[in-house]
Amino acid sequence: MSIEIPTVEEILGKDIVKRGNWTEERKEILKDITWEEIDAEAKRLEAENPGRFKTPEEIHEKIRRLQEEMQMAGRQAKAVGA
């Protein structure tokens, strides 16, 4: 006895599932967008979601702190013989 699993096309409808080259479609969509439009959209998202987005400097600082914490945990584990 086998169970027949519906395809994505059957679940969502054939007209919803797009076929094609996503990379080329993305390039076509993005080709006319300017840096000013991207910047304006970023500022709009930041205004709508204050505190949600981090600057590159904040991200690098968080990575540095996490690496230090991992190193400290490794040293502590060695000290107790784990």
N, C-alpha and C. Protein backbone atom coordinates (compact mmCIF):
# COMPACT_ATOMS: atom_id res chain seq x y z
N MET A 1 0.84 -1.17 0.00
CA MET A 1 0.00 0.00 0.00
C MET A 1 0.89 1.24 0.00
N SER A 2 0.65 2.13 -0.93
CA SER A 2 1.44 3.36 -0.98
C SER A 2 0.52 4.56 -0.79
N ILE A 3 1.08 5.56 -0.19
CA ILE A 3 0.34 6.80 0.05
C ILE A 3 0.73 7.79 -1.03
N GLU A 4 -0.26 8.37 -1.65
CA GLU A 4 0.02 9.35 -2.70
C GLU A 4 0.12 10.73 -2.07
N ILE A 5 1.26 11.36 -2.21
CA ILE A 5 1.50 12.70 -1.66
C ILE A 5 1.26 13.72 -2.76
N PRO A 6 0.43 14.74 -2.49
CA PRO A 6 0.18 15.75 -3.51
C PRO A 6 1.43 16.58 -3.79
N THR A 7 1.53 17.04 -5.02
CA THR A 7 2.65 17.88 -5.39
C THR A 7 2.39 19.32 -4.96
N VAL A 8 3.43 20.14 -5.00
CA VAL A 8 3.29 21.55 -4.67
C VAL A 8 2.29 22.21 -5.60
N GLU A 9 2.35 21.85 -6.88
CA GLU A 9 1.44 22.42 -7.86
C GLU A 9 -0.01 22.10 -7.51
N GLU A 10 -0.25 20.86 -7.04
CA GLU A 10 -1.61 20.46 -6.68
C GLU A 10 -2.09 21.19 -5.43
N ILE A 11 -1.19 21.42 -4.50
CA ILE A 11 -1.57 22.10 -3.26
C ILE A 11 -1.82 23.59 -3.50
N LEU A 12 -0.89 24.24 -4.18
CA LEU A 12 -0.97 25.69 -4.36
C LEU A 12 -1.71 26.11 -5.61
N GLY A 13 -1.81 25.24 -6.55
CA GLY A 13 -2.43 25.59 -7.83
C GLY A 13 -1.35 25.85 -8.86
N LYS A 14 -1.52 25.30 -10.02
CA LYS A 14 -0.48 25.40 -11.05
C LYS A 14 -0.15 26.83 -11.43
N ASP A 15 -1.13 27.75 -11.35
CA ASP A 15 -0.86 29.12 -11.74
C ASP A 15 0.01 29.86 -10.73
N ILE A 16 0.08 29.38 -9.49
CA ILE A 16 0.89 30.04 -8.46
C ILE A 16 2.36 29.63 -8.59
N VAL A 17 2.61 28.37 -8.88
CA VAL A 17 3.98 27.87 -8.94
C VAL A 17 4.61 28.33 -10.25
N LYS A 18 5.66 29.15 -10.13
CA LYS A 18 6.35 29.67 -11.31
C LYS A 18 7.51 28.79 -11.68
N ARG A 19 7.69 28.63 -12.91
CA ARG A 19 8.86 27.88 -13.38
C ARG A 19 9.74 28.85 -14.14
N GLY A 20 11.02 28.66 -14.03
CA GLY A 20 11.93 29.52 -14.75
C GLY A 20 13.21 29.74 -13.98
N ASN A 21 13.98 30.66 -14.49
CA ASN A 21 15.27 30.96 -13.91
C ASN A 21 15.11 32.12 -12.93
N TRP A 22 15.10 31.81 -11.63
CA TRP A 22 14.88 32.82 -10.60
C TRP A 22 15.96 33.89 -10.64
N THR A 23 17.19 33.52 -10.88
CA THR A 23 18.28 34.49 -10.92
C THR A 23 18.05 35.51 -12.01
N GLU A 24 17.68 35.07 -13.18
CA GLU A 24 17.42 36.00 -14.28
C GLU A 24 16.21 36.88 -13.98
N GLU A 25 15.17 36.29 -13.38
CA GLU A 25 13.99 37.08 -13.03
C GLU A 25 14.35 38.16 -12.02
N ARG A 26 15.17 37.80 -11.04
CA ARG A 26 15.60 38.77 -10.02
C ARG A 26 16.40 39.89 -10.66
N LYS A 27 17.32 39.55 -11.55
CA LYS A 27 18.11 40.57 -12.23
C LYS A 27 17.22 41.51 -13.02
N GLU A 28 16.21 40.97 -13.67
CA GLU A 28 15.29 41.79 -14.45
C GLU A 28 14.52 42.75 -13.55
N ILE A 29 14.07 42.26 -12.41
CA ILE A 29 13.32 43.10 -11.48
C ILE A 29 14.21 44.19 -10.89
N LEU A 30 15.44 43.84 -10.56
CA LEU A 30 16.33 44.78 -9.87
C LEU A 30 17.08 45.74 -10.79
N LYS A 31 17.04 45.51 -12.08
CA LYS A 31 17.88 46.30 -12.99
C LYS A 31 17.56 47.79 -12.98
N ASP A 32 16.32 48.17 -12.70
CA ASP A 32 15.94 49.59 -12.73
C ASP A 32 15.87 50.23 -11.35
N ILE A 33 16.22 49.50 -10.31
CA ILE A 33 16.16 50.05 -8.95
C ILE A 33 17.46 50.79 -8.67
N THR A 34 17.33 51.99 -8.13
CA THR A 34 18.50 52.82 -7.83
C THR A 34 18.92 52.63 -6.38
N TRP A 35 20.16 53.05 -6.07
CA TRP A 35 20.64 52.99 -4.70
C TRP A 35 19.81 53.90 -3.81
N GLU A 36 19.31 55.00 -4.35
CA GLU A 36 18.48 55.92 -3.57
C GLU A 36 17.19 55.22 -3.14
N GLU A 37 16.61 54.42 -4.04
CA GLU A 37 15.39 53.69 -3.71
C GLU A 37 15.67 52.63 -2.64
N ILE A 38 16.80 51.97 -2.75
CA ILE A 38 17.18 50.96 -1.76
C ILE A 38 17.38 51.63 -0.41
N ASP A 39 18.08 52.76 -0.40
CA ASP A 39 18.33 53.50 0.83
C ASP A 39 17.01 53.97 1.45
N ALA A 40 16.11 54.48 0.63
CA ALA A 40 14.81 54.95 1.13
C ALA A 40 14.02 53.80 1.74
N GLU A 41 14.05 52.64 1.11
CA GLU A 41 13.34 51.47 1.63
C GLU A 41 13.95 51.01 2.96
N ALA A 42 15.28 51.03 3.03
CA ALA A 42 15.95 50.65 4.28
C ALA A 42 15.56 51.60 5.41
N LYS A 43 15.53 52.89 5.11
CA LYS A 43 15.15 53.88 6.14
C LYS A 43 13.69 53.69 6.56
N ARG A 44 12.82 53.37 5.61
CA ARG A 44 11.42 53.14 5.93
C ARG A 44 11.27 51.94 6.85
N LEU A 45 11.98 50.85 6.54
CA LEU A 45 11.91 49.65 7.38
C LEU A 45 12.46 49.93 8.78
N GLU A 46 13.55 50.68 8.86
CA GLU A 46 14.11 51.02 10.16
C GLU A 46 13.14 51.87 10.97
N ALA A 47 12.44 52.81 10.33
CA ALA A 47 11.47 53.66 11.02
C ALA A 47 10.28 52.84 11.51
N GLU A 48 9.85 51.87 10.72
CA GLU A 48 8.72 51.03 11.11
C GLU A 48 9.08 50.02 12.19
N ASN A 49 10.36 49.65 12.26
CA ASN A 49 10.82 48.62 13.20
C ASN A 49 12.03 49.12 13.99
N PRO A 50 11.85 50.13 14.83
CA PRO A 50 13.02 50.66 15.55
C PRO A 50 13.67 49.59 16.44
N GLY A 51 14.98 49.55 16.39
CA GLY A 51 15.73 48.60 17.21
C GLY A 51 15.85 47.21 16.63
N ARG A 52 15.19 46.93 15.52
CA ARG A 52 15.25 45.58 14.95
C ARG A 52 16.50 45.35 14.13
N PHE A 53 16.95 46.38 13.45
CA PHE A 53 18.09 46.23 12.54
C PHE A 53 19.37 46.71 13.20
N LYS A 54 20.46 46.05 12.88
CA LYS A 54 21.77 46.38 13.45
C LYS A 54 22.67 46.97 12.38
N THR A 55 23.58 47.82 12.81
CA THR A 55 24.57 48.36 11.89
C THR A 55 25.66 47.30 11.68
N PRO A 56 26.45 47.41 10.63
CA PRO A 56 27.55 46.46 10.45
C PRO A 56 28.50 46.44 11.64
N GLU A 57 28.74 47.60 12.23
CA GLU A 57 29.63 47.67 13.39
C GLU A 57 29.05 46.88 14.56
N GLU A 58 27.74 47.00 14.78
CA GLU A 58 27.10 46.26 15.87
C GLU A 58 27.17 44.76 15.62
N ILE A 59 27.01 44.35 14.38
CA ILE A 59 27.09 42.92 14.04
C ILE A 59 28.50 42.39 14.28
N HIS A 60 29.52 43.14 13.85
CA HIS A 60 30.91 42.71 14.06
C HIS A 60 31.24 42.63 15.55
N GLU A 61 30.74 43.58 16.33
CA GLU A 61 30.98 43.57 17.77
C GLU A 61 30.32 42.35 18.42
N LYS A 62 29.12 42.02 18.00
CA LYS A 62 28.44 40.84 18.54
C LYS A 62 29.21 39.56 18.19
N ILE A 63 29.69 39.47 16.96
CA ILE A 63 30.48 38.31 16.55
C ILE A 63 31.73 38.20 17.41
N ARG A 64 32.41 39.32 17.62
CA ARG A 64 33.63 39.33 18.44
C ARG A 64 33.34 38.84 19.86
N ARG A 65 32.24 39.35 20.45
CA ARG A 65 31.87 38.94 21.81
C ARG A 65 31.54 37.46 21.87
N LEU A 66 30.81 36.95 20.87
CA LEU A 66 30.47 35.53 20.85
C LEU A 66 31.71 34.65 20.72
N GLN A 67 32.67 35.09 19.89
CA GLN A 67 33.92 34.33 19.76
C GLN A 67 34.67 34.31 21.07
N GLU A 68 34.73 35.44 21.77
CA GLU A 68 35.40 35.48 23.07
C GLU A 68 34.71 34.56 24.07
N GLU A 69 33.37 34.56 24.07
CA GLU A 69 32.63 33.69 24.98
C GLU A 69 32.90 32.23 24.67
N MET A 70 32.98 31.87 23.39
CA MET A 70 33.26 30.49 23.02
C MET A 70 34.66 30.08 23.46
N GLN A 71 35.63 30.98 23.28
CA GLN A 71 36.99 30.68 23.72
C GLN A 71 37.04 30.49 25.23
N MET A 72 36.34 31.36 25.97
CA MET A 72 36.31 31.25 27.43
C MET A 72 35.66 29.94 27.86
N ALA A 73 34.58 29.56 27.21
CA ALA A 73 33.91 28.30 27.54
C ALA A 73 34.83 27.12 27.25
N GLY A 74 35.59 27.19 26.16
CA GLY A 74 36.54 26.12 25.84
C GLY A 74 37.63 25.99 26.89
N ARG A 75 38.14 27.14 27.33
CA ARG A 75 39.18 27.11 28.37
C ARG A 75 38.62 26.57 29.68
N GLN A 76 37.40 26.95 30.02
CA GLN A 76 36.78 26.45 31.26
C GLN A 76 36.54 24.94 31.17
N ALA A 77 36.11 24.47 29.99
CA ALA A 77 35.88 23.04 29.82
C ALA A 77 37.18 22.27 29.98
N LYS A 78 38.27 22.79 29.44
CA LYS A 78 39.59 22.12 29.58
C LYS A 78 40.03 22.11 31.03
N ALA A 79 39.73 23.21 31.74
CA ALA A 79 40.15 23.32 33.14
C ALA A 79 39.45 22.28 34.02
N VAL A 80 38.22 21.95 33.71
CA VAL A 80 37.50 20.97 34.53
C VAL A 80 37.65 19.55 33.97
N GLY A 81 38.35 19.42 32.85
CA GLY A 81 38.62 18.09 32.29
C GLY A 81 37.53 17.53 31.42
N ALA A 82 36.74 18.37 30.87
CA ALA A 82 35.65 17.88 30.00
C ALA A 82 36.13 17.60 28.61
